[in-house]
């Protein structure tokens, strides 16, 4: 295995082993998608109590960072 690939593999493993960093990155992506829907006037759907529920853009809640 070439050194660059090995270094990249080690770096990816290091990042993925940091659960807080992974969770934070996922939440940032979710927030970006929710904001885009809200600004575009597009509803989203969520799974709630075993059913698909549509949420109007004006009711989309975006979590803020602590």
PDB file of N, CA and C in Angstrom:
ATOM      1  N   UNK A   1       0.851  -1.173   0.000  1.00  0.00           N
ATOM      2  CA  UNK A   1       0.000   0.000   0.000  1.00  0.00           C
ATOM      3  C   UNK A   1       0.897   1.235   0.000  1.00  0.00           C
ATOM      4  N   UNK A   2       0.548   2.197  -0.821  1.00  0.00           N
ATOM      5  CA  UNK A   2       1.383   3.375  -0.889  1.00  0.00           C
ATOM      6  C   UNK A   2       1.188   4.246   0.354  1.00  0.00           C
ATOM      7  N   UNK A   3       2.211   5.043   0.682  1.00  0.00           N
ATOM      8  CA  UNK A   3       2.215   5.818   1.926  1.00  0.00           C
ATOM      9  C   UNK A   3       1.061   6.814   1.996  1.00  0.00           C
ATOM     10  N   UNK A   4       0.710   7.434   0.880  1.00  0.00           N
ATOM     11  CA  UNK A   4      -0.384   8.409   0.876  1.00  0.00           C
ATOM     12  C   UNK A   4      -1.714   7.743   1.213  1.00  0.00           C
ATOM     13  N   UNK A   5      -1.943   6.586   0.641  1.00  0.00           N
ATOM     14  CA  UNK A   5      -3.187   5.860   0.907  1.00  0.00           C
ATOM     15  C   UNK A   5      -3.227   5.422   2.367  1.00  0.00           C
ATOM     16  N   UNK A   6      -2.114   4.906   2.880  1.00  0.00           N
ATOM     17  CA  UNK A   6      -2.066   4.474   4.274  1.00  0.00           C
ATOM     18  C   UNK A   6      -2.325   5.658   5.201  1.00  0.00           C
ATOM     19  N   UNK A   7      -1.709   6.798   4.908  1.00  0.00           N
ATOM     20  CA  UNK A   7      -1.924   7.993   5.727  1.00  0.00           C
ATOM     21  C   UNK A   7      -3.389   8.422   5.674  1.00  0.00           C
ATOM     22  N   UNK A   8      -3.986   8.396   4.497  1.00  0.00           N
ATOM     23  CA  UNK A   8      -5.401   8.770   4.346  1.00  0.00           C
ATOM     24  C   UNK A   8      -6.285   7.814   5.141  1.00  0.00           C
ATOM     25  N   UNK A   9      -5.997   6.516   5.063  1.00  0.00           N
ATOM     26  CA  UNK A   9      -6.769   5.525   5.818  1.00  0.00           C
ATOM     27  C   UNK A   9      -6.672   5.774   7.325  1.00  0.00           C
ATOM     28  N   UNK A  10      -5.473   6.090   7.791  1.00  0.00           N
ATOM     29  CA  UNK A  10      -5.285   6.363   9.219  1.00  0.00           C
ATOM     30  C   UNK A  10      -6.027   7.630   9.634  1.00  0.00           C
ATOM     31  N   UNK A  11      -5.999   8.649   8.794  1.00  0.00           N
ATOM     32  CA  UNK A  11      -6.679   9.908   9.084  1.00  0.00           C
ATOM     33  C   UNK A  11      -8.195   9.703   9.128  1.00  0.00           C
ATOM     34  N   UNK A  12      -8.722   8.953   8.184  1.00  0.00           N
ATOM     35  CA  UNK A  12     -10.161   8.656   8.166  1.00  0.00           C
ATOM     36  C   UNK A  12     -10.543   7.868   9.418  1.00  0.00           C
ATOM     37  N   UNK A  13      -9.763   6.904   9.797  1.00  0.00           N
ATOM     38  CA  UNK A  13     -10.034   6.119  11.007  1.00  0.00           C
ATOM     39  C   UNK A  13     -10.021   7.007  12.239  1.00  0.00           C
ATOM     40  N   UNK A  14      -9.066   7.923  12.315  1.00  0.00           N
ATOM     41  CA  UNK A  14      -8.969   8.831  13.457  1.00  0.00           C
ATOM     42  C   UNK A  14     -10.236   9.692  13.550  1.00  0.00           C
ATOM     43  N   UNK A  15     -10.661  10.227  12.430  1.00  0.00           N
ATOM     44  CA  UNK A  15     -11.847  11.088  12.406  1.00  0.00           C
ATOM     45  C   UNK A  15     -13.091  10.291  12.787  1.00  0.00           C
ATOM     46  N   UNK A  16     -13.262   9.128  12.195  1.00  0.00           N
ATOM     47  CA  UNK A  16     -14.461   8.327  12.453  1.00  0.00           C
ATOM     48  C   UNK A  16     -14.513   7.777  13.872  1.00  0.00           C
ATOM     49  N   UNK A  17     -13.393   7.718  14.548  1.00  0.00           N
ATOM     50  CA  UNK A  17     -13.376   7.259  15.938  1.00  0.00           C
ATOM     51  C   UNK A  17     -13.726   8.370  16.915  1.00  0.00           C
ATOM     52  N   UNK A  18     -13.901   9.593  16.427  1.00  0.00           N
ATOM     53  CA  UNK A  18     -14.308  10.717  17.268  1.00  0.00           C
ATOM     54  C   UNK A  18     -15.814  10.894  17.109  1.00  0.00           C
ATOM     55  N   UNK A  19     -16.577  10.230  17.979  1.00  0.00           N
ATOM     56  CA  UNK A  19     -18.041  10.215  17.865  1.00  0.00           C
ATOM     57  C   UNK A  19     -18.636  11.618  17.916  1.00  0.00           C
ATOM     58  N   UNK A  20     -18.094  12.493  18.750  1.00  0.00           N
ATOM     59  CA  UNK A  20     -18.622  13.855  18.840  1.00  0.00           C
ATOM     60  C   UNK A  20     -18.431  14.610  17.528  1.00  0.00           C
ATOM     61  N   UNK A  21     -17.272  14.446  16.903  1.00  0.00           N
ATOM     62  CA  UNK A  21     -16.999  15.123  15.635  1.00  0.00           C
ATOM     63  C   UNK A  21     -17.918  14.595  14.531  1.00  0.00           C
ATOM     64  N   UNK A  22     -18.140  13.304  14.506  1.00  0.00           N
ATOM     65  CA  UNK A  22     -19.011  12.701  13.491  1.00  0.00           C
ATOM     66  C   UNK A  22     -20.445  13.178  13.698  1.00  0.00           C
ATOM     67  N   UNK A  23     -20.915  13.147  14.944  1.00  0.00           N
ATOM     68  CA  UNK A  23     -22.269  13.605  15.247  1.00  0.00           C
ATOM     69  C   UNK A  23     -22.443  15.071  14.871  1.00  0.00           C
ATOM     70  N   UNK A  24     -21.469  15.883  15.186  1.00  0.00           N
ATOM     71  CA  UNK A  24     -21.523  17.306  14.860  1.00  0.00           C
ATOM     72  C   UNK A  24     -21.578  17.532  13.350  1.00  0.00           C
ATOM     73  N   UNK A  25     -20.787  16.797  12.608  1.00  0.00           N
ATOM     74  CA  UNK A  25     -20.774  16.932  11.149  1.00  0.00           C
ATOM     75  C   UNK A  25     -22.119  16.517  10.552  1.00  0.00           C
ATOM     76  N   UNK A  26     -22.687  15.442  11.053  1.00  0.00           N
ATOM     77  CA  UNK A  26     -23.992  14.985  10.566  1.00  0.00           C
ATOM     78  C   UNK A  26     -25.055  16.033  10.876  1.00  0.00           C
ATOM     79  N   UNK A  27     -25.039  16.581  12.096  1.00  0.00           N
ATOM     80  CA  UNK A  27     -26.034  17.584  12.487  1.00  0.00           C
ATOM     81  C   UNK A  27     -25.910  18.842  11.628  1.00  0.00           C
ATOM     82  N   UNK A  28     -24.681  19.253  11.317  1.00  0.00           N
ATOM     83  CA  UNK A  28     -24.488  20.417  10.437  1.00  0.00           C
ATOM     84  C   UNK A  28     -25.086  20.154   9.061  1.00  0.00           C
ATOM     85  N   UNK A  29     -24.915  18.946   8.548  1.00  0.00           N
ATOM     86  CA  UNK A  29     -25.490  18.594   7.251  1.00  0.00           C
ATOM     87  C   UNK A  29     -27.013  18.586   7.285  1.00  0.00           C
ATOM     88  N   UNK A  30     -27.569  18.048   8.355  1.00  0.00           N
ATOM     89  CA  UNK A  30     -29.024  18.039   8.504  1.00  0.00           C
ATOM     90  C   UNK A  30     -29.556  19.465   8.578  1.00  0.00           C
ATOM     91  N   UNK A  31     -28.913  20.300   9.399  1.00  0.00           N
ATOM     92  CA  UNK A  31     -29.347  21.692   9.535  1.00  0.00           C
ATOM     93  C   UNK A  31     -29.287  22.436   8.200  1.00  0.00           C
ATOM     94  N   UNK A  32     -28.240  22.194   7.435  1.00  0.00           N
ATOM     95  CA  UNK A  32     -28.105  22.848   6.127  1.00  0.00           C
ATOM     96  C   UNK A  32     -29.246  22.434   5.199  1.00  0.00           C
ATOM     97  N   UNK A  33     -29.582  21.147   5.209  1.00  0.00           N
ATOM     98  CA  UNK A  33     -30.666  20.654   4.360  1.00  0.00           C
ATOM     99  C   UNK A  33     -32.013  21.224   4.807  1.00  0.00           C
ATOM    100  N   UNK A  34     -32.246  21.262   6.119  1.00  0.00           N
ATOM    101  CA  UNK A  34     -33.495  21.818   6.637  1.00  0.00           C
ATOM    102  C   UNK A  34     -33.628  23.298   6.287  1.00  0.00           C
ATOM    103  N   UNK A  35     -32.548  24.038   6.434  1.00  0.00           N
ATOM    104  CA  UNK A  35     -32.566  25.461   6.113  1.00  0.00           C
ATOM    105  C   UNK A  35     -32.854  25.684   4.631  1.00  0.00           C
ATOM    106  N   UNK A  36     -32.255  24.858   3.789  1.00  0.00           N
ATOM    107  CA  UNK A  36     -32.481  24.971   2.346  1.00  0.00           C
ATOM    108  C   UNK A  36     -33.959  24.731   2.015  1.00  0.00           C
ATOM    109  N   UNK A  37     -34.558  23.724   2.622  1.00  0.00           N
ATOM    110  CA  UNK A  37     -35.983  23.443   2.411  1.00  0.00           C
ATOM    111  C   UNK A  37     -36.832  24.624   2.888  1.00  0.00           C
ATOM    112  N   UNK A  38     -36.523  25.109   4.075  1.00  0.00           N
ATOM    113  CA  UNK A  38     -37.299  26.205   4.671  1.00  0.00           C
ATOM    114  C   UNK A  38     -37.212  27.452   3.778  1.00  0.00           C
ATOM    115  N   UNK A  39     -36.003  27.812   3.348  1.00  0.00           N
ATOM    116  CA  UNK A  39     -35.812  29.002   2.520  1.00  0.00           C
ATOM    117  C   UNK A  39     -36.452  28.855   1.145  1.00  0.00           C
ATOM    118  N   UNK A  40     -36.484  27.644   0.630  1.00  0.00           N
ATOM    119  CA  UNK A  40     -37.061  27.390  -0.691  1.00  0.00           C
ATOM    120  C   UNK A  40     -38.579  27.232  -0.649  1.00  0.00           C
ATOM    121  N   UNK A  41     -39.133  27.143   0.554  1.00  0.00           N
ATOM    122  CA  UNK A  41     -40.571  26.967   0.685  1.00  0.00           C
ATOM    123  C   UNK A  41     -41.023  25.542   0.437  1.00  0.00           C
ATOM    124  N   UNK A  42     -40.119  24.592   0.642  1.00  0.00           N
ATOM    125  CA  UNK A  42     -40.457  23.181   0.420  1.00  0.00           C
ATOM    126  C   UNK A  42     -40.704  22.473   1.748  1.00  0.00           C
ATOM    127  N   UNK A  43     -41.761  21.672   1.819  1.00  0.00           N
ATOM    128  CA  UNK A  43     -42.015  20.917   3.051  1.00  0.00           C
ATOM    129  C   UNK A  43     -41.006  19.771   3.195  1.00  0.00           C
ATOM    130  N   UNK A  44     -40.967  19.219   4.387  1.00  0.00           N
ATOM    131  CA  UNK A  44     -40.165  18.019   4.645  1.00  0.00           C
ATOM    132  C   UNK A  44     -41.101  16.963   5.211  1.00  0.00           C
ATOM    133  N   UNK A  45     -40.662  15.729   5.217  1.00  0.00           N
ATOM    134  CA  UNK A  45     -41.449  14.693   5.879  1.00  0.00           C
ATOM    135  C   UNK A  45     -40.589  14.060   6.961  1.00  0.00           C
ATOM    136  N   UNK A  46     -41.260  13.645   8.024  1.00  0.00           N
ATOM    137  CA  UNK A  46     -40.600  12.966   9.138  1.00  0.00           C
ATOM    138  C   UNK A  46     -41.412  11.728   9.489  1.00  0.00           C
ATOM    139  N   UNK A  47     -40.783  10.810  10.177  1.00  0.00           N
ATOM    140  CA  UNK A  47     -41.443   9.604  10.648  1.00  0.00           C
ATOM    141  C   UNK A  47     -41.815   9.831  12.104  1.00  0.00           C
ATOM    142  N   UNK A  48     -43.108   9.825  12.404  1.00  0.00           N
ATOM    143  CA  UNK A  48     -43.563  10.096  13.764  1.00  0.00           C
ATOM    144  C   UNK A  48     -44.697   9.131  14.108  1.00  0.00           C
ATOM    145  N   UNK A  49     -44.524   8.412  15.196  1.00  0.00           N
ATOM    146  CA  UNK A  49     -45.553   7.473  15.672  1.00  0.00           C
ATOM    147  C   UNK A  49     -45.975   6.477  14.591  1.00  0.00           C
ATOM    148  N   UNK A  50     -45.006   5.984  13.847  1.00  0.00           N
ATOM    149  CA  UNK A  50     -45.294   4.970  12.837  1.00  0.00           C
ATOM    150  C   UNK A  50     -45.921   5.496  11.564  1.00  0.00           C
ATOM    151  N   UNK A  51     -45.925   6.816  11.393  1.00  0.00           N
ATOM    152  CA  UNK A  51     -46.520   7.415  10.198  1.00  0.00           C
ATOM    153  C   UNK A  51     -45.600   8.471   9.612  1.00  0.00           C
ATOM    154  N   UNK A  52     -45.766   8.689   8.314  1.00  0.00           N
ATOM    155  CA  UNK A  52     -45.056   9.777   7.652  1.00  0.00           C
ATOM    156  C   UNK A  52     -45.875  11.045   7.838  1.00  0.00           C
ATOM    157  N   UNK A  53     -45.239  12.080   8.365  1.00  0.00           N
ATOM    158  CA  UNK A  53     -45.889  13.358   8.618  1.00  0.00           C
ATOM    159  C   UNK A  53     -45.190  14.434   7.781  1.00  0.00           C
ATOM    160  N   UNK A  54     -45.955  15.231   7.060  1.00  0.00           N
ATOM    161  CA  UNK A  54     -45.404  16.339   6.284  1.00  0.00           C
ATOM    162  C   UNK A  54     -45.385  17.593   7.147  1.00  0.00           C
ATOM    163  N   UNK A  55     -44.290  18.304   7.113  1.00  0.00           N
ATOM    164  CA  UNK A  55     -44.137  19.537   7.882  1.00  0.00           C
ATOM    165  C   UNK A  55     -43.979  20.695   6.900  1.00  0.00           C
ATOM    166  N   UNK A  56     -44.834  21.695   7.055  1.00  0.00           N
ATOM    167  CA  UNK A  56     -44.795  22.880   6.193  1.00  0.00           C
ATOM    168  C   UNK A  56     -43.495  23.642   6.444  1.00  0.00           C
ATOM    169  N   UNK A  57     -42.990  24.326   5.415  1.00  0.00           N
ATOM    170  CA  UNK A  57     -41.714  25.032   5.563  1.00  0.00           C
ATOM    171  C   UNK A  57     -41.676  26.003   6.753  1.00  0.00           C
ATOM    172  N   UNK A  58     -42.779  26.699   6.997  1.00  0.00           N
ATOM    173  CA  UNK A  58     -42.791  27.664   8.102  1.00  0.00           C
ATOM    174  C   UNK A  58     -42.746  26.994   9.474  1.00  0.00           C
ATOM    175  N   UNK A  59     -42.977  25.691   9.523  1.00  0.00           N
ATOM    176  CA  UNK A  59     -42.944  24.947  10.789  1.00  0.00           C
ATOM    177  C   UNK A  59     -41.674  24.122  10.975  1.00  0.00           C
ATOM    178  N   UNK A  60     -40.763  24.207  10.018  1.00  0.00           N
ATOM    179  CA  UNK A  60     -39.502  23.455  10.129  1.00  0.00           C
ATOM    180  C   UNK A  60     -38.650  24.096  11.220  1.00  0.00           C
ATOM    181  N   UNK A  61     -38.255  23.286  12.191  1.00  0.00           N
ATOM    182  CA  UNK A  61     -37.394  23.750  13.279  1.00  0.00           C
ATOM    183  C   UNK A  61     -35.955  23.325  12.997  1.00  0.00           C
ATOM    184  N   UNK A  62     -35.062  24.275  13.147  1.00  0.00           N
ATOM    185  CA  UNK A  62     -33.640  24.003  12.918  1.00  0.00           C
ATOM    186  C   UNK A  62     -32.940  24.123  14.260  1.00  0.00           C
ATOM    187  N   UNK A  63     -32.262  23.039  14.668  1.00  0.00           N
ATOM    188  CA  UNK A  63     -31.566  23.035  15.945  1.00  0.00           C
ATOM    189  C   UNK A  63     -30.356  23.963  15.863  1.00  0.00           C
ATOM    190  N   UNK A  64     -30.175  24.737  16.909  1.00  0.00           N
ATOM    191  CA  UNK A  64     -28.999  25.604  16.992  1.00  0.00           C
ATOM    192  C   UNK A  64     -27.950  24.926  17.836  1.00  0.00           C
ATOM    193  N   UNK A  65     -26.716  25.314  17.619  1.00  0.00           N
ATOM    194  CA  UNK A  65     -25.614  24.719  18.381  1.00  0.00           C
ATOM    195  C   UNK A  65     -25.652  25.236  19.813  1.00  0.00           C
ATOM    196  N   UNK A  66     -25.176  24.414  20.702  1.00  0.00           N
ATOM    197  CA  UNK A  66     -25.114  24.807  22.125  1.00  0.00           C
ATOM    198  C   UNK A  66     -23.896  25.635  22.385  1.00  0.00           C
TER     199      UNK A  66
END
